[in-house]
Structures are given as C-alpha cells and as structure tokens.
Amino acid sequence: MIQVQSTWFPLIDRNPQKFVPNMFEAKESDYIKATHQVYFSAQYPTFVELPVMKN
C-alpha cells in the first residue's frame, strides 16, 4: 500500500491547503480538501523511489 498525504497529521498538524496568516488561528472553514493524483500510463509514468537501508 502507498499512502500519499500532504501533512503529518496528527504528528504535526493539519494543513489547511491554502495560506492563512496564523496557522494557530485557522478556522474550520479555512481547511479545504486536497486532491492528489497518481498517474499510471505511458504518457504519464509514475514511479516510487525508496531508499535501501543496510542491515
């Protein structure tokens, strides 16, 4: 499984996905849904590069 996200919530904080002057004063209406797309075709190839860790 691959999980794509634009924030580390709940480890850090939610991302409103738009500019707010002060993150700590963001209203619920400031938060908008983000859409991520992963393409898989000859025209739009996608790959995932993962580091290899030594034992």
PDB file of N, CA and C in Angstrom:
ATOM      1  N   MET A   1       0.849  -1.165   0.000  1.00  0.00           N
ATOM      2  CA  MET A   1       0.000   0.000   0.000  1.00  0.00           C
ATOM      3  C   MET A   1       0.895   1.228   0.000  1.00  0.00           C
ATOM      4  N   ILE A   2       0.501   2.224  -0.741  1.00  0.00           N
ATOM      5  CA  ILE A   2       1.175   3.519  -0.742  1.00  0.00           C
ATOM      6  C   ILE A   2       0.174   4.559  -0.275  1.00  0.00           C
ATOM      7  N   GLN A   3       0.557   5.327   0.707  1.00  0.00           N
ATOM      8  CA  GLN A   3      -0.306   6.385   1.218  1.00  0.00           C
ATOM      9  C   GLN A   3       0.314   7.722   0.843  1.00  0.00           C
ATOM     10  N   VAL A   4      -0.448   8.552   0.146  1.00  0.00           N
ATOM     11  CA  VAL A   4       0.006   9.873  -0.263  1.00  0.00           C
ATOM     12  C   VAL A   4      -0.733  10.893   0.586  1.00  0.00           C
ATOM     13  N   GLN A   5       0.027  11.780   1.210  1.00  0.00           N
ATOM     14  CA  GLN A   5      -0.613  12.784   2.047  1.00  0.00           C
ATOM     15  C   GLN A   5       0.180  14.072   1.998  1.00  0.00           C
ATOM     16  N   SER A   6      -0.453  15.155   2.373  1.00  0.00           N
ATOM     17  CA  SER A   6       0.211  16.456   2.317  1.00  0.00           C
ATOM     18  C   SER A   6       0.466  17.023   3.709  1.00  0.00           C
ATOM     19  N   THR A   7       0.344  16.197   4.708  1.00  0.00           N
ATOM     20  CA  THR A   7       0.580  16.640   6.074  1.00  0.00           C
ATOM     21  C   THR A   7       0.978  15.446   6.934  1.00  0.00           C
ATOM     22  N   TRP A   8       1.530  15.690   8.082  1.00  0.00           N
ATOM     23  CA  TRP A   8       1.883  14.621   9.004  1.00  0.00           C
ATOM     24  C   TRP A   8       0.890  14.549  10.153  1.00  0.00           C
ATOM     25  N   PHE A   9      -0.339  15.040   9.944  1.00  0.00           N
ATOM     26  CA  PHE A   9      -1.357  14.993  10.989  1.00  0.00           C
ATOM     27  C   PHE A   9      -1.603  13.545  11.366  1.00  0.00           C
ATOM     28  N   PRO A  10      -1.689  13.193  12.601  1.00  0.00           N
ATOM     29  CA  PRO A  10      -1.716  14.014  13.800  1.00  0.00           C
ATOM     30  C   PRO A  10      -0.347  14.247  14.428  1.00  0.00           C
ATOM     31  N   LEU A  11       0.743  13.815  13.780  1.00  0.00           N
ATOM     32  CA  LEU A  11       2.068  14.017  14.380  1.00  0.00           C
ATOM     33  C   LEU A  11       2.446  15.499  14.438  1.00  0.00           C
ATOM     34  N   ILE A  12       2.146  16.236  13.399  1.00  0.00           N
ATOM     35  CA  ILE A  12       2.490  17.660  13.371  1.00  0.00           C
ATOM     36  C   ILE A  12       1.208  18.481  13.523  1.00  0.00           C
ATOM     37  N   ASP A  13       0.521  18.751  12.450  1.00  0.00           N
ATOM     38  CA  ASP A  13      -0.741  19.484  12.492  1.00  0.00           C
ATOM     39  C   ASP A  13      -1.411  19.377  11.137  1.00  0.00           C
ATOM     40  N   ARG A  14      -2.676  19.668  11.086  1.00  0.00           N
ATOM     41  CA  ARG A  14      -3.391  19.644   9.810  1.00  0.00           C
ATOM     42  C   ARG A  14      -2.929  20.790   8.923  1.00  0.00           C
ATOM     43  N   ASN A  15      -2.998  20.577   7.628  1.00  0.00           N
ATOM     44  CA  ASN A  15      -2.622  21.580   6.647  1.00  0.00           C
ATOM     45  C   ASN A  15      -3.899  22.128   6.023  1.00  0.00           C
ATOM     46  N   PRO A  16      -4.139  23.453   6.109  1.00  0.00           N
ATOM     47  CA  PRO A  16      -5.375  23.989   5.539  1.00  0.00           C
ATOM     48  C   PRO A  16      -5.388  23.985   4.013  1.00  0.00           C
ATOM     49  N   GLN A  17      -4.265  23.719   3.360  1.00  0.00           N
ATOM     50  CA  GLN A  17      -4.144  23.675   1.906  1.00  0.00           C
ATOM     51  C   GLN A  17      -4.312  25.034   1.245  1.00  0.00           C
ATOM     52  N   LYS A  18      -4.251  26.085   2.018  1.00  0.00           N
ATOM     53  CA  LYS A  18      -4.236  27.445   1.486  1.00  0.00           C
ATOM     54  C   LYS A  18      -3.567  28.343   2.517  1.00  0.00           C
ATOM     55  N   PHE A  19      -3.194  29.548   2.105  1.00  0.00           N
ATOM     56  CA  PHE A  19      -2.498  30.454   3.012  1.00  0.00           C
ATOM     57  C   PHE A  19      -3.421  30.981   4.101  1.00  0.00           C
ATOM     58  N   VAL A  20      -2.970  30.909   5.332  1.00  0.00           N
ATOM     59  CA  VAL A  20      -3.623  31.569   6.461  1.00  0.00           C
ATOM     60  C   VAL A  20      -2.517  32.313   7.214  1.00  0.00           C
ATOM     61  N   PRO A  21      -2.766  33.544   7.645  1.00  0.00           N
ATOM     62  CA  PRO A  21      -1.721  34.329   8.302  1.00  0.00           C
ATOM     63  C   PRO A  21      -1.141  33.656   9.548  1.00  0.00           C
ATOM     64  N   ASN A  22      -1.989  33.001  10.312  1.00  0.00           N
ATOM     65  CA  ASN A  22      -1.542  32.341  11.531  1.00  0.00           C
ATOM     66  C   ASN A  22      -2.187  30.963  11.602  1.00  0.00           C
ATOM     67  N   MET A  23      -1.385  29.927  11.488  1.00  0.00           N
ATOM     68  CA  MET A  23      -1.871  28.554  11.495  1.00  0.00           C
ATOM     69  C   MET A  23      -2.692  28.226  12.736  1.00  0.00           C
ATOM     70  N   PHE A  24      -2.307  28.818  13.865  1.00  0.00           N
ATOM     71  CA  PHE A  24      -2.976  28.504  15.126  1.00  0.00           C
ATOM     72  C   PHE A  24      -4.327  29.180  15.261  1.00  0.00           C
ATOM     73  N   GLU A  25      -4.621  30.122  14.374  1.00  0.00           N
ATOM     74  CA  GLU A  25      -5.914  30.805  14.399  1.00  0.00           C
ATOM     75  C   GLU A  25      -6.778  30.427  13.201  1.00  0.00           C
ATOM     76  N   ALA A  26      -6.408  29.383  12.479  1.00  0.00           N
ATOM     77  CA  ALA A  26      -7.179  28.943  11.316  1.00  0.00           C
ATOM     78  C   ALA A  26      -8.551  28.439  11.765  1.00  0.00           C
ATOM     79  N   LYS A  27      -9.569  28.851  11.012  1.00  0.00           N
ATOM     80  CA  LYS A  27     -10.939  28.413  11.296  1.00  0.00           C
ATOM     81  C   LYS A  27     -11.205  27.117  10.542  1.00  0.00           C
ATOM     82  N   GLU A  28     -12.236  26.421  10.938  1.00  0.00           N
ATOM     83  CA  GLU A  28     -12.598  25.179  10.250  1.00  0.00           C
ATOM     84  C   GLU A  28     -12.876  25.447   8.772  1.00  0.00           C
ATOM     85  N   SER A  29     -13.434  26.606   8.447  1.00  0.00           N
ATOM     86  CA  SER A  29     -13.737  26.949   7.052  1.00  0.00           C
ATOM     87  C   SER A  29     -12.471  27.202   6.228  1.00  0.00           C
ATOM     88  N   ASP A  30     -11.318  27.407   6.875  1.00  0.00           N
ATOM     89  CA  ASP A  30     -10.056  27.604   6.165  1.00  0.00           C
ATOM     90  C   ASP A  30      -9.506  26.298   5.594  1.00  0.00           C
ATOM     91  N   TYR A  31      -9.937  25.177   6.123  1.00  0.00           N
ATOM     92  CA  TYR A  31      -9.425  23.889   5.686  1.00  0.00           C
ATOM     93  C   TYR A  31     -10.218  23.403   4.483  1.00  0.00           C
ATOM     94  N   ILE A  32      -9.497  23.098   3.406  1.00  0.00           N
ATOM     95  CA  ILE A  32     -10.147  22.589   2.206  1.00  0.00           C
ATOM     96  C   ILE A  32      -9.547  21.229   1.859  1.00  0.00           C
ATOM     97  N   LYS A  33     -10.306  20.434   1.167  1.00  0.00           N
ATOM     98  CA  LYS A  33      -9.876  19.091   0.795  1.00  0.00           C
ATOM     99  C   LYS A  33      -8.791  19.175  -0.280  1.00  0.00           C
ATOM    100  N   ALA A  34      -7.754  18.392  -0.116  1.00  0.00           N
ATOM    101  CA  ALA A  34      -6.691  18.305  -1.115  1.00  0.00           C
ATOM    102  C   ALA A  34      -6.906  17.050  -1.952  1.00  0.00           C
ATOM    103  N   THR A  35      -6.609  17.160  -3.230  1.00  0.00           N
ATOM    104  CA  THR A  35      -6.727  16.013  -4.127  1.00  0.00           C
ATOM    105  C   THR A  35      -5.347  15.693  -4.683  1.00  0.00           C
ATOM    106  N   HIS A  36      -4.928  14.468  -4.514  1.00  0.00           N
ATOM    107  CA  HIS A  36      -3.641  14.001  -5.029  1.00  0.00           C
ATOM    108  C   HIS A  36      -3.924  13.016  -6.151  1.00  0.00           C
ATOM    109  N   GLN A  37      -3.158  13.096  -7.215  1.00  0.00           N
ATOM    110  CA  GLN A  37      -3.335  12.174  -8.333  1.00  0.00           C
ATOM    111  C   GLN A  37      -2.027  11.447  -8.597  1.00  0.00           C
ATOM    112  N   VAL A  38      -2.136  10.151  -8.776  1.00  0.00           N
ATOM    113  CA  VAL A  38      -1.005   9.331  -9.164  1.00  0.00           C
ATOM    114  C   VAL A  38      -1.341   8.775 -10.544  1.00  0.00           C
ATOM    115  N   TYR A  39      -0.527   9.135 -11.520  1.00  0.00           N
ATOM    116  CA  TYR A  39      -0.789   8.723 -12.898  1.00  0.00           C
ATOM    117  C   TYR A  39      -0.064   7.420 -13.209  1.00  0.00           C
ATOM    118  N   PHE A  40      -0.679   6.611 -14.030  1.00  0.00           N
ATOM    119  CA  PHE A  40      -0.075   5.358 -14.440  1.00  0.00           C
ATOM    120  C   PHE A  40      -0.450   5.105 -15.894  1.00  0.00           C
ATOM    121  N   SER A  41       0.356   5.601 -16.795  1.00  0.00           N
ATOM    122  CA  SER A  41       0.151   5.387 -18.223  1.00  0.00           C
ATOM    123  C   SER A  41       1.461   5.658 -18.940  1.00  0.00           C
ATOM    124  N   ALA A  42       1.516   5.341 -20.216  1.00  0.00           N
ATOM    125  CA  ALA A  42       2.725   5.605 -20.993  1.00  0.00           C
ATOM    126  C   ALA A  42       2.989   7.100 -21.097  1.00  0.00           C
ATOM    127  N   GLN A  43       1.928   7.889 -21.161  1.00  0.00           N
ATOM    128  CA  GLN A  43       2.080   9.335 -21.279  1.00  0.00           C
ATOM    129  C   GLN A  43       2.470   9.974 -19.944  1.00  0.00           C
ATOM    130  N   TYR A  44       1.945   9.454 -18.848  1.00  0.00           N
ATOM    131  CA  TYR A  44       2.211   9.991 -17.518  1.00  0.00           C
ATOM    132  C   TYR A  44       2.758   8.885 -16.611  1.00  0.00           C
ATOM    133  N   PRO A  45       3.994   8.460 -16.832  1.00  0.00           N
ATOM    134  CA  PRO A  45       4.525   7.377 -15.987  1.00  0.00           C
ATOM    135  C   PRO A  45       4.802   7.864 -14.568  1.00  0.00           C
ATOM    136  N   THR A  46       4.590   7.009 -13.621  1.00  0.00           N
ATOM    137  CA  THR A  46       4.821   7.309 -12.214  1.00  0.00           C
ATOM    138  C   THR A  46       5.709   6.216 -11.634  1.00  0.00           C
ATOM    139  N   PHE A  47       6.610   6.618 -10.734  1.00  0.00           N
ATOM    140  CA  PHE A  47       7.411   5.618 -10.042  1.00  0.00           C
ATOM    141  C   PHE A  47       7.586   6.048  -8.603  1.00  0.00           C
ATOM    142  N   VAL A  48       7.884   5.085  -7.772  1.00  0.00           N
ATOM    143  CA  VAL A  48       8.140   5.349  -6.365  1.00  0.00           C
ATOM    144  C   VAL A  48       9.577   4.944  -6.102  1.00  0.00           C
ATOM    145  N   GLU A  49      10.358   5.877  -5.586  1.00  0.00           N
ATOM    146  CA  GLU A  49      11.760   5.613  -5.292  1.00  0.00           C
ATOM    147  C   GLU A  49      11.913   5.493  -3.781  1.00  0.00           C
ATOM    148  N   LEU A  50      12.373   4.349  -3.342  1.00  0.00           N
ATOM    149  CA  LEU A  50      12.529   4.093  -1.914  1.00  0.00           C
ATOM    150  C   LEU A  50      14.008   3.880  -1.596  1.00  0.00           C
ATOM    151  N   PRO A  51      14.464   4.369  -0.465  1.00  0.00           N
ATOM    152  CA  PRO A  51      15.853   4.128  -0.093  1.00  0.00           C
ATOM    153  C   PRO A  51      16.066   2.684   0.332  1.00  0.00           C
ATOM    154  N   VAL A  52      17.262   2.187   0.110  1.00  0.00           N
ATOM    155  CA  VAL A  52      17.628   0.837   0.557  1.00  0.00           C
ATOM    156  C   VAL A  52      18.525   0.976   1.761  1.00  0.00           C
ATOM    157  N   MET A  53      18.103   0.388   2.868  1.00  0.00           N
ATOM    158  CA  MET A  53      18.868   0.502   4.100  1.00  0.00           C
ATOM    159  C   MET A  53      19.720  -0.740   4.304  1.00  0.00           C
ATOM    160  N   LYS A  54      20.950  -0.555   4.725  1.00  0.00           N
ATOM    161  CA  LYS A  54      21.818  -1.678   5.034  1.00  0.00           C
ATOM    162  C   LYS A  54      21.486  -2.200   6.426  1.00  0.00           C
ATOM    163  N   ASN A  55      21.703  -3.496   6.618  1.00  0.00           N
ATOM    164  CA  ASN A  55      21.440  -4.095   7.933  1.00  0.00           C
ATOM    165  C   ASN A  55      22.420  -3.611   8.958  1.00  0.00           C
TER     166      ASN A  55
END
